[in-house]
Amino acid sequence: MSALRMAYLALALWGAVHPMLWFLRHMRDTGTGLSGLIDAWYVNASTTGLTWDLTIAALTLTLWVLAETWVRRNWLALVAIPATFCIGVSCGLPLYLFLRTRPVV
């Protein structure tokens, strides 16, 4: 595996674990669960802007994954879509790049 692919994989793992630790910490500290976390995304203009920024990035990544998957027939790359919406763009994007750069057989 190339160094670039290993970097993508490492970033995908980091993007899955690191933000989740903060989300879980917030839910534990506030005791509000997922609904409290979602409410916190809209607590002020700054967090609302960041939420929309990430939502637009996630939709753009999804469109890119679908378009490239259709052309390249790399069906495994579709895994990046649920990773993006269930975990975040910080996991979905590097995961997609990792899957996209695998050697063609």
C-alpha atoms as a PDB file:
ATOM      1  CA  MET A   1       0.000   0.000   0.000  1.00  0.00           C
ATOM      2  CA  SER A   2       1.357   3.403  -0.942  1.00  0.00           C
ATOM      3  CA  ALA A   3       2.165   6.080   1.609  1.00  0.00           C
ATOM      4  CA  LEU A   4      -0.630   8.239   0.186  1.00  0.00           C
ATOM      5  CA  ARG A   5      -3.230   5.494   0.657  1.00  0.00           C
ATOM      6  CA  MET A   6      -1.996   4.868   4.205  1.00  0.00           C
ATOM      7  CA  ALA A   7      -2.338   8.612   4.898  1.00  0.00           C
ATOM      8  CA  TYR A   8      -5.931   8.589   3.594  1.00  0.00           C
ATOM      9  CA  LEU A   9      -6.755   5.581   5.763  1.00  0.00           C
ATOM     10  CA  ALA A  10      -5.150   7.155   8.836  1.00  0.00           C
ATOM     11  CA  LEU A  11      -7.105  10.384   8.248  1.00  0.00           C
ATOM     12  CA  ALA A  12     -10.356   8.433   7.825  1.00  0.00           C
ATOM     13  CA  LEU A  13      -9.777   6.641  11.122  1.00  0.00           C
ATOM     14  CA  TRP A  14      -8.824   9.873  12.865  1.00  0.00           C
ATOM     15  CA  GLY A  15     -11.868  11.579  11.328  1.00  0.00           C
ATOM     16  CA  ALA A  16     -14.078   8.796  12.700  1.00  0.00           C
ATOM     17  CA  VAL A  17     -12.673   8.629  16.222  1.00  0.00           C
ATOM     18  CA  HIS A  18     -11.601  12.151  17.197  1.00  0.00           C
ATOM     19  CA  PRO A  19     -14.850  14.043  16.523  1.00  0.00           C
ATOM     20  CA  MET A  20     -16.884  11.188  18.014  1.00  0.00           C
ATOM     21  CA  LEU A  21     -14.974  11.510  21.295  1.00  0.00           C
ATOM     22  CA  TRP A  22     -16.035  15.156  21.511  1.00  0.00           C
ATOM     23  CA  PHE A  23     -19.645  14.342  20.592  1.00  0.00           C
ATOM     24  CA  LEU A  24     -19.826  11.608  23.220  1.00  0.00           C
ATOM     25  CA  ARG A  25     -18.215  13.892  25.805  1.00  0.00           C
ATOM     26  CA  HIS A  26     -20.777  16.599  25.096  1.00  0.00           C
ATOM     27  CA  MET A  27     -23.681  14.148  25.380  1.00  0.00           C
ATOM     28  CA  ARG A  28     -22.262  12.727  28.622  1.00  0.00           C
ATOM     29  CA  ASP A  29     -21.609  16.148  30.173  1.00  0.00           C
ATOM     30  CA  THR A  30     -25.015  17.587  29.292  1.00  0.00           C
ATOM     31  CA  GLY A  31     -27.026  14.396  29.676  1.00  0.00           C
ATOM     32  CA  THR A  32     -29.161  15.416  26.708  1.00  0.00           C
ATOM     33  CA  GLY A  33     -28.209  12.683  24.258  1.00  0.00           C
ATOM     34  CA  LEU A  34     -28.359  13.077  20.504  1.00  0.00           C
ATOM     35  CA  SER A  35     -31.163  15.657  20.539  1.00  0.00           C
ATOM     36  CA  GLY A  36     -29.066  17.904  22.800  1.00  0.00           C
ATOM     37  CA  LEU A  37     -26.102  17.522  20.467  1.00  0.00           C
ATOM     38  CA  ILE A  38     -28.207  18.526  17.474  1.00  0.00           C
ATOM     39  CA  ASP A  39     -29.618  21.500  19.412  1.00  0.00           C
ATOM     40  CA  ALA A  40     -26.040  22.603  20.157  1.00  0.00           C
ATOM     41  CA  TRP A  41     -25.330  22.756  16.424  1.00  0.00           C
ATOM     42  CA  TYR A  42     -27.739  25.705  16.213  1.00  0.00           C
ATOM     43  CA  VAL A  43     -26.943  27.503  19.475  1.00  0.00           C
ATOM     44  CA  ASN A  44     -25.514  30.605  17.763  1.00  0.00           C
ATOM     45  CA  ALA A  45     -24.711  32.013  14.330  1.00  0.00           C
ATOM     46  CA  SER A  46     -21.191  30.569  14.348  1.00  0.00           C
ATOM     47  CA  THR A  47     -22.233  26.969  15.004  1.00  0.00           C
ATOM     48  CA  THR A  48     -25.179  27.270  12.630  1.00  0.00           C
ATOM     49  CA  GLY A  49     -22.824  28.472   9.890  1.00  0.00           C
ATOM     50  CA  LEU A  50     -20.434  25.616  10.571  1.00  0.00           C
ATOM     51  CA  THR A  51     -23.320  23.137  10.520  1.00  0.00           C
ATOM     52  CA  TRP A  52     -24.453  24.392   7.127  1.00  0.00           C
ATOM     53  CA  ASP A  53     -20.876  24.440   5.843  1.00  0.00           C
ATOM     54  CA  LEU A  54     -20.449  20.767   6.729  1.00  0.00           C
ATOM     55  CA  THR A  55     -23.884  19.859   5.384  1.00  0.00           C
ATOM     56  CA  ILE A  56     -23.102  21.434   2.009  1.00  0.00           C
ATOM     57  CA  ALA A  57     -19.689  19.705   1.973  1.00  0.00           C
ATOM     58  CA  ALA A  58     -21.360  16.355   2.761  1.00  0.00           C
ATOM     59  CA  LEU A  59     -23.897  16.801  -0.039  1.00  0.00           C
ATOM     60  CA  THR A  60     -21.142  17.792  -2.471  1.00  0.00           C
ATOM     61  CA  LEU A  61     -19.054  14.764  -1.494  1.00  0.00           C
ATOM     62  CA  THR A  62     -22.108  12.527  -1.944  1.00  0.00           C
ATOM     63  CA  LEU A  63     -22.723  13.891  -5.436  1.00  0.00           C
ATOM     64  CA  TRP A  64     -19.053  13.360  -6.323  1.00  0.00           C
ATOM     65  CA  VAL A  65     -19.059   9.798  -4.961  1.00  0.00           C
ATOM     66  CA  LEU A  66     -22.215   8.931  -6.906  1.00  0.00           C
ATOM     67  CA  ALA A  67     -20.947  10.471 -10.152  1.00  0.00           C
ATOM     68  CA  GLU A  68     -17.541   8.790  -9.974  1.00  0.00           C
ATOM     69  CA  THR A  69     -18.975   5.468  -8.860  1.00  0.00           C
ATOM     70  CA  TRP A  70     -21.270   5.468 -11.868  1.00  0.00           C
ATOM     71  CA  VAL A  71     -18.346   6.075 -14.231  1.00  0.00           C
ATOM     72  CA  ARG A  72     -15.674   3.942 -12.535  1.00  0.00           C
ATOM     73  CA  ARG A  73     -17.979   1.123 -11.363  1.00  0.00           C
ATOM     74  CA  ASN A  74     -16.168   1.170  -8.018  1.00  0.00           C
ATOM     75  CA  TRP A  75     -19.203   0.099  -5.988  1.00  0.00           C
ATOM     76  CA  LEU A  76     -17.244  -0.287  -2.756  1.00  0.00           C
ATOM     77  CA  ALA A  77     -16.686   3.474  -2.758  1.00  0.00           C
ATOM     78  CA  LEU A  78     -20.386   3.955  -1.968  1.00  0.00           C
ATOM     79  CA  VAL A  79     -19.486   3.068   1.638  1.00  0.00           C
ATOM     80  CA  ALA A  80     -18.218   6.644   1.930  1.00  0.00           C
ATOM     81  CA  ILE A  81     -21.778   8.015   1.769  1.00  0.00           C
ATOM     82  CA  PRO A  82     -23.122   6.482   4.999  1.00  0.00           C
ATOM     83  CA  ALA A  83     -19.734   7.167   6.618  1.00  0.00           C
ATOM     84  CA  THR A  84     -20.143  10.833   5.714  1.00  0.00           C
ATOM     85  CA  PHE A  85     -23.658  11.196   7.117  1.00  0.00           C
ATOM     86  CA  CYS A  86     -23.322   8.880  10.129  1.00  0.00           C
ATOM     87  CA  ILE A  87     -19.823   9.948  11.192  1.00  0.00           C
ATOM     88  CA  GLY A  88     -18.872  13.096   9.290  1.00  0.00           C
ATOM     89  CA  VAL A  89     -17.069  14.606   6.339  1.00  0.00           C
ATOM     90  CA  SER A  90     -13.805  14.212   8.260  1.00  0.00           C
ATOM     91  CA  CYS A  91     -14.221  10.445   7.886  1.00  0.00           C
ATOM     92  CA  GLY A  92     -16.163  10.193   4.612  1.00  0.00           C
ATOM     93  CA  LEU A  93     -13.799  12.228   2.421  1.00  0.00           C
ATOM     94  CA  PRO A  94     -10.524  10.496   3.320  1.00  0.00           C
ATOM     95  CA  LEU A  95     -12.324   7.117   3.262  1.00  0.00           C
ATOM     96  CA  TYR A  96     -13.549   7.819  -0.255  1.00  0.00           C
ATOM     97  CA  LEU A  97     -10.068   8.905  -1.370  1.00  0.00           C
ATOM     98  CA  PHE A  98      -8.635   5.732   0.170  1.00  0.00           C
ATOM     99  CA  LEU A  99     -11.151   3.571  -1.704  1.00  0.00           C
ATOM    100  CA  ARG A 100     -10.788   5.547  -4.935  1.00  0.00           C
ATOM    101  CA  THR A 101      -7.007   5.141  -5.062  1.00  0.00           C
ATOM    102  CA  ARG A 102      -6.935   1.380  -4.655  1.00  0.00           C
ATOM    103  CA  PRO A 103      -5.180  -0.485  -7.452  1.00  0.00           C
ATOM    104  CA  VAL A 104      -7.408  -1.454 -10.357  1.00  0.00           C
ATOM    105  CA  VAL A 105      -7.535  -5.194 -10.979  1.00  0.00           C
END
